[in-house]
């Protein structure tokens, strides 16, 4: 393999690793935001129940 082919392979591997890391960050952020929204809904509904009693 020439140096160019080796560097091309290394760049491809690095780009795939980068995409995987970015995907994990994106999915983690999405689930975190969903969890916060769910917690906020539960908290606000509990507040309404307490105020109505």
PDB file of N, CA and C in Angstrom:
ATOM      1  N   UNK A   1       0.839  -1.185   0.000  1.00  0.00           N
ATOM      2  CA  UNK A   1       0.000   0.000   0.000  1.00  0.00           C
ATOM      3  C   UNK A   1       0.883   1.246   0.000  1.00  0.00           C
ATOM      4  N   UNK A   2       0.466   2.204  -0.749  1.00  0.00           N
ATOM      5  CA  UNK A   2       1.227   3.448  -0.763  1.00  0.00           C
ATOM      6  C   UNK A   2       0.823   4.309   0.425  1.00  0.00           C
ATOM      7  N   UNK A   3       1.594   5.339   0.652  1.00  0.00           N
ATOM      8  CA  UNK A   3       1.283   6.247   1.755  1.00  0.00           C
ATOM      9  C   UNK A   3      -0.070   6.912   1.550  1.00  0.00           C
ATOM     10  N   UNK A   4      -0.373   7.235   0.295  1.00  0.00           N
ATOM     11  CA  UNK A   4      -1.652   7.882   0.007  1.00  0.00           C
ATOM     12  C   UNK A   4      -2.824   6.962   0.355  1.00  0.00           C
ATOM     13  N   UNK A   5      -2.730   5.687  -0.005  1.00  0.00           N
ATOM     14  CA  UNK A   5      -3.797   4.731   0.297  1.00  0.00           C
ATOM     15  C   UNK A   5      -3.945   4.530   1.801  1.00  0.00           C
ATOM     16  N   UNK A   6      -2.834   4.510   2.513  1.00  0.00           N
ATOM     17  CA  UNK A   6      -2.884   4.357   3.966  1.00  0.00           C
ATOM     18  C   UNK A   6      -3.530   5.575   4.623  1.00  0.00           C
ATOM     19  N   UNK A   7      -3.179   6.762   4.143  1.00  0.00           N
ATOM     20  CA  UNK A   7      -3.777   7.961   4.732  1.00  0.00           C
ATOM     21  C   UNK A   7      -5.253   8.061   4.376  1.00  0.00           C
ATOM     22  N   UNK A   8      -5.613   7.597   3.189  1.00  0.00           N
ATOM     23  CA  UNK A   8      -7.026   7.598   2.783  1.00  0.00           C
ATOM     24  C   UNK A   8      -7.831   6.668   3.692  1.00  0.00           C
ATOM     25  N   UNK A   9      -7.283   5.502   3.982  1.00  0.00           N
ATOM     26  CA  UNK A   9      -7.948   4.553   4.874  1.00  0.00           C
ATOM     27  C   UNK A   9      -8.069   5.132   6.278  1.00  0.00           C
ATOM     28  N   UNK A  10      -7.020   5.779   6.755  1.00  0.00           N
ATOM     29  CA  UNK A  10      -7.045   6.384   8.091  1.00  0.00           C
ATOM     30  C   UNK A  10      -8.089   7.495   8.162  1.00  0.00           C
ATOM     31  N   UNK A  11      -8.199   8.298   7.110  1.00  0.00           N
ATOM     32  CA  UNK A  11      -9.206   9.366   7.090  1.00  0.00           C
ATOM     33  C   UNK A  11     -10.617   8.791   7.099  1.00  0.00           C
ATOM     34  N   UNK A  12     -10.817   7.708   6.372  1.00  0.00           N
ATOM     35  CA  UNK A  12     -12.149   7.074   6.364  1.00  0.00           C
ATOM     36  C   UNK A  12     -12.510   6.526   7.736  1.00  0.00           C
ATOM     37  N   UNK A  13     -11.560   5.869   8.381  1.00  0.00           N
ATOM     38  CA  UNK A  13     -11.803   5.334   9.723  1.00  0.00           C
ATOM     39  C   UNK A  13     -12.098   6.468  10.693  1.00  0.00           C
ATOM     40  N   UNK A  14     -11.326   7.532  10.605  1.00  0.00           N
ATOM     41  CA  UNK A  14     -11.535   8.677  11.492  1.00  0.00           C
ATOM     42  C   UNK A  14     -12.898   9.313  11.256  1.00  0.00           C
ATOM     43  N   UNK A  15     -13.330   9.391  10.010  1.00  0.00           N
ATOM     44  CA  UNK A  15     -14.634   9.999   9.731  1.00  0.00           C
ATOM     45  C   UNK A  15     -15.775   9.128  10.245  1.00  0.00           C
ATOM     46  N   UNK A  16     -15.638   7.823  10.153  1.00  0.00           N
ATOM     47  CA  UNK A  16     -16.670   6.927  10.675  1.00  0.00           C
ATOM     48  C   UNK A  16     -16.737   7.023  12.199  1.00  0.00           C
ATOM     49  N   UNK A  17     -15.595   7.060  12.847  1.00  0.00           N
ATOM     50  CA  UNK A  17     -15.561   7.201  14.303  1.00  0.00           C
ATOM     51  C   UNK A  17     -16.191   8.522  14.707  1.00  0.00           C
ATOM     52  N   UNK A  18     -15.876   9.594  13.978  1.00  0.00           N
ATOM     53  CA  UNK A  18     -16.445  10.913  14.258  1.00  0.00           C
ATOM     54  C   UNK A  18     -17.970  10.877  14.134  1.00  0.00           C
ATOM     55  N   UNK A  19     -18.472  10.252  13.067  1.00  0.00           N
ATOM     56  CA  UNK A  19     -19.921  10.172  12.881  1.00  0.00           C
ATOM     57  C   UNK A  19     -20.599   9.373  13.985  1.00  0.00           C
ATOM     58  N   UNK A  20     -19.961   8.310  14.430  1.00  0.00           N
ATOM     59  CA  UNK A  20     -20.525   7.511  15.519  1.00  0.00           C
ATOM     60  C   UNK A  20     -20.578   8.332  16.805  1.00  0.00           C
ATOM     61  N   UNK A  21     -19.502   9.044  17.106  1.00  0.00           N
ATOM     62  CA  UNK A  21     -19.474   9.871  18.317  1.00  0.00           C
ATOM     63  C   UNK A  21     -20.539  10.958  18.245  1.00  0.00           C
ATOM     64  N   UNK A  22     -20.659  11.614  17.108  1.00  0.00           N
ATOM     65  CA  UNK A  22     -21.670  12.664  16.959  1.00  0.00           C
ATOM     66  C   UNK A  22     -23.082  12.084  17.072  1.00  0.00           C
ATOM     67  N   UNK A  23     -23.290  10.883  16.551  1.00  0.00           N
ATOM     68  CA  UNK A  23     -24.587  10.226  16.675  1.00  0.00           C
ATOM     69  C   UNK A  23     -24.934   9.930  18.122  1.00  0.00           C
ATOM     70  N   UNK A  24     -23.961   9.467  18.882  1.00  0.00           N
ATOM     71  CA  UNK A  24     -24.192   9.178  20.303  1.00  0.00           C
ATOM     72  C   UNK A  24     -24.537  10.464  21.050  1.00  0.00           C
ATOM     73  N   UNK A  25     -23.817  11.536  20.754  1.00  0.00           N
ATOM     74  CA  UNK A  25     -24.108  12.819  21.405  1.00  0.00           C
ATOM     75  C   UNK A  25     -25.505  13.293  21.038  1.00  0.00           C
ATOM     76  N   UNK A  26     -25.858  13.195  19.764  1.00  0.00           N
ATOM     77  CA  UNK A  26     -27.174  13.643  19.310  1.00  0.00           C
ATOM     78  C   UNK A  26     -28.298  12.850  19.975  1.00  0.00           C
ATOM     79  N   UNK A  27     -28.174  11.528  19.988  1.00  0.00           N
ATOM     80  CA  UNK A  27     -29.210  10.683  20.590  1.00  0.00           C
ATOM     81  C   UNK A  27     -29.289  10.924  22.094  1.00  0.00           C
ATOM     82  N   UNK A  28     -28.150  11.078  22.749  1.00  0.00           N
ATOM     83  CA  UNK A  28     -28.147  11.350  24.186  1.00  0.00           C
ATOM     84  C   UNK A  28     -28.811  12.670  24.515  1.00  0.00           C
ATOM     85  N   UNK A  29     -28.550  13.687  23.703  1.00  0.00           N
ATOM     86  CA  UNK A  29     -29.182  14.985  23.909  1.00  0.00           C
ATOM     87  C   UNK A  29     -30.683  14.893  23.694  1.00  0.00           C
ATOM     88  N   UNK A  30     -31.088  14.166  22.674  1.00  0.00           N
ATOM     89  CA  UNK A  30     -32.513  14.003  22.388  1.00  0.00           C
ATOM     90  C   UNK A  30     -33.229  13.333  23.564  1.00  0.00           C
ATOM     91  N   UNK A  31     -32.676  12.228  24.050  1.00  0.00           N
ATOM     92  CA  UNK A  31     -33.310  11.521  25.169  1.00  0.00           C
ATOM     93  C   UNK A  31     -33.302  12.363  26.441  1.00  0.00           C
ATOM     94  N   UNK A  32     -32.256  13.125  26.649  1.00  0.00           N
ATOM     95  CA  UNK A  32     -32.198  13.993  27.819  1.00  0.00           C
ATOM     96  C   UNK A  32     -33.298  15.047  27.762  1.00  0.00           C
ATOM     97  N   UNK A  33     -33.486  15.650  26.606  1.00  0.00           N
ATOM     98  CA  UNK A  33     -34.530  16.655  26.458  1.00  0.00           C
ATOM     99  C   UNK A  33     -35.921  16.052  26.613  1.00  0.00           C
ATOM    100  N   UNK A  34     -36.115  14.854  26.095  1.00  0.00           N
ATOM    101  CA  UNK A  34     -37.402  14.179  26.247  1.00  0.00           C
ATOM    102  C   UNK A  34     -37.679  13.875  27.719  1.00  0.00           C
ATOM    103  N   UNK A  35     -36.653  13.440  28.438  1.00  0.00           N
ATOM    104  CA  UNK A  35     -36.810  13.123  29.857  1.00  0.00           C
ATOM    105  C   UNK A  35     -37.130  14.382  30.656  1.00  0.00           C
ATOM    106  N   UNK A  36     -36.463  15.493  30.327  1.00  0.00           N
ATOM    107  CA  UNK A  36     -36.747  16.752  31.018  1.00  0.00           C
ATOM    108  C   UNK A  36     -38.181  17.212  30.749  1.00  0.00           C
ATOM    109  N   UNK A  37     -38.647  17.061  29.507  1.00  0.00           N
ATOM    110  CA  UNK A  37     -40.008  17.471  29.168  1.00  0.00           C
ATOM    111  C   UNK A  37     -41.025  16.607  29.906  1.00  0.00           C
ATOM    112  N   UNK A  38     -40.765  15.317  29.998  1.00  0.00           N
ATOM    113  CA  UNK A  38     -41.670  14.413  30.708  1.00  0.00           C
ATOM    114  C   UNK A  38     -41.701  14.755  32.197  1.00  0.00           C
ATOM    115  N   UNK A  39     -40.536  15.017  32.764  1.00  0.00           N
ATOM    116  CA  UNK A  39     -40.480  15.368  34.187  1.00  0.00           C
ATOM    117  C   UNK A  39     -41.215  16.676  34.449  1.00  0.00           C
ATOM    118  N   UNK A  40     -41.096  17.614  33.537  1.00  0.00           N
ATOM    119  CA  UNK A  40     -41.772  18.900  33.700  1.00  0.00           C
ATOM    120  C   UNK A  40     -43.288  18.715  33.640  1.00  0.00           C
ATOM    121  N   UNK A  41     -43.768  17.840  32.732  1.00  0.00           N
ATOM    122  CA  UNK A  41     -45.206  17.575  32.630  1.00  0.00           C
ATOM    123  C   UNK A  41     -45.724  16.911  33.908  1.00  0.00           C
ATOM    124  N   UNK A  42     -44.984  15.956  34.411  1.00  0.00           N
ATOM    125  CA  UNK A  42     -45.394  15.250  35.624  1.00  0.00           C
ATOM    126  C   UNK A  42     -45.412  16.216  36.800  1.00  0.00           C
ATOM    127  N   UNK A  43     -44.397  17.044  36.913  1.00  0.00           N
ATOM    128  CA  UNK A  43     -44.317  17.993  38.006  1.00  0.00           C
ATOM    129  C   UNK A  43     -45.456  19.005  37.931  1.00  0.00           C
ATOM    130  N   UNK A  44     -45.767  19.503  36.734  1.00  0.00           N
ATOM    131  CA  UNK A  44     -46.836  20.492  36.608  1.00  0.00           C
ATOM    132  C   UNK A  44     -48.198  19.857  36.875  1.00  0.00           C
ATOM    133  N   UNK A  45     -48.393  18.600  36.486  1.00  0.00           N
ATOM    134  CA  UNK A  45     -49.676  17.951  36.760  1.00  0.00           C
ATOM    135  C   UNK A  45     -49.827  17.658  38.251  1.00  0.00           C
ATOM    136  N   UNK A  46     -48.731  17.336  38.941  1.00  0.00           N
ATOM    137  CA  UNK A  46     -48.798  17.117  40.381  1.00  0.00           C
ATOM    138  C   UNK A  46     -49.101  18.441  41.102  1.00  0.00           C
ATOM    139  N   UNK A  47     -48.553  19.528  40.610  1.00  0.00           N
ATOM    140  CA  UNK A  47     -48.804  20.825  41.202  1.00  0.00           C
ATOM    141  C   UNK A  47     -50.273  21.186  41.073  1.00  0.00           C
ATOM    142  N   UNK A  48     -50.869  20.920  39.923  1.00  0.00           N
ATOM    143  CA  UNK A  48     -52.276  21.222  39.689  1.00  0.00           C
ATOM    144  C   UNK A  48     -53.146  20.392  40.631  1.00  0.00           C
ATOM    145  N   UNK A  49     -52.799  19.126  40.819  1.00  0.00           N
ATOM    146  CA  UNK A  49     -53.576  18.257  41.701  1.00  0.00           C
ATOM    147  C   UNK A  49     -53.485  18.777  43.137  1.00  0.00           C
ATOM    148  N   UNK A  50     -52.297  19.171  43.568  1.00  0.00           N
ATOM    149  CA  UNK A  50     -52.117  19.669  44.930  1.00  0.00           C
ATOM    150  C   UNK A  50     -52.900  20.958  45.129  1.00  0.00           C
ATOM    151  N   UNK A  51     -52.886  21.835  44.150  1.00  0.00           N
ATOM    152  CA  UNK A  51     -53.598  23.102  44.267  1.00  0.00           C
ATOM    153  C   UNK A  51     -55.107  22.913  44.259  1.00  0.00           C
ATOM    154  N   UNK A  52     -55.599  21.888  43.598  1.00  0.00           N
ATOM    155  CA  UNK A  52     -57.039  21.653  43.516  1.00  0.00           C
ATOM    156  C   UNK A  52     -57.583  20.976  44.774  1.00  0.00           C
ATOM    157  N   UNK A  53     -56.751  20.389  45.561  1.00  0.00           N
ATOM    158  CA  UNK A  53     -57.233  19.665  46.744  1.00  0.00           C
ATOM    159  C   UNK A  53     -57.630  20.577  47.862  1.00  0.00           C
TER     160      UNK A  53
END
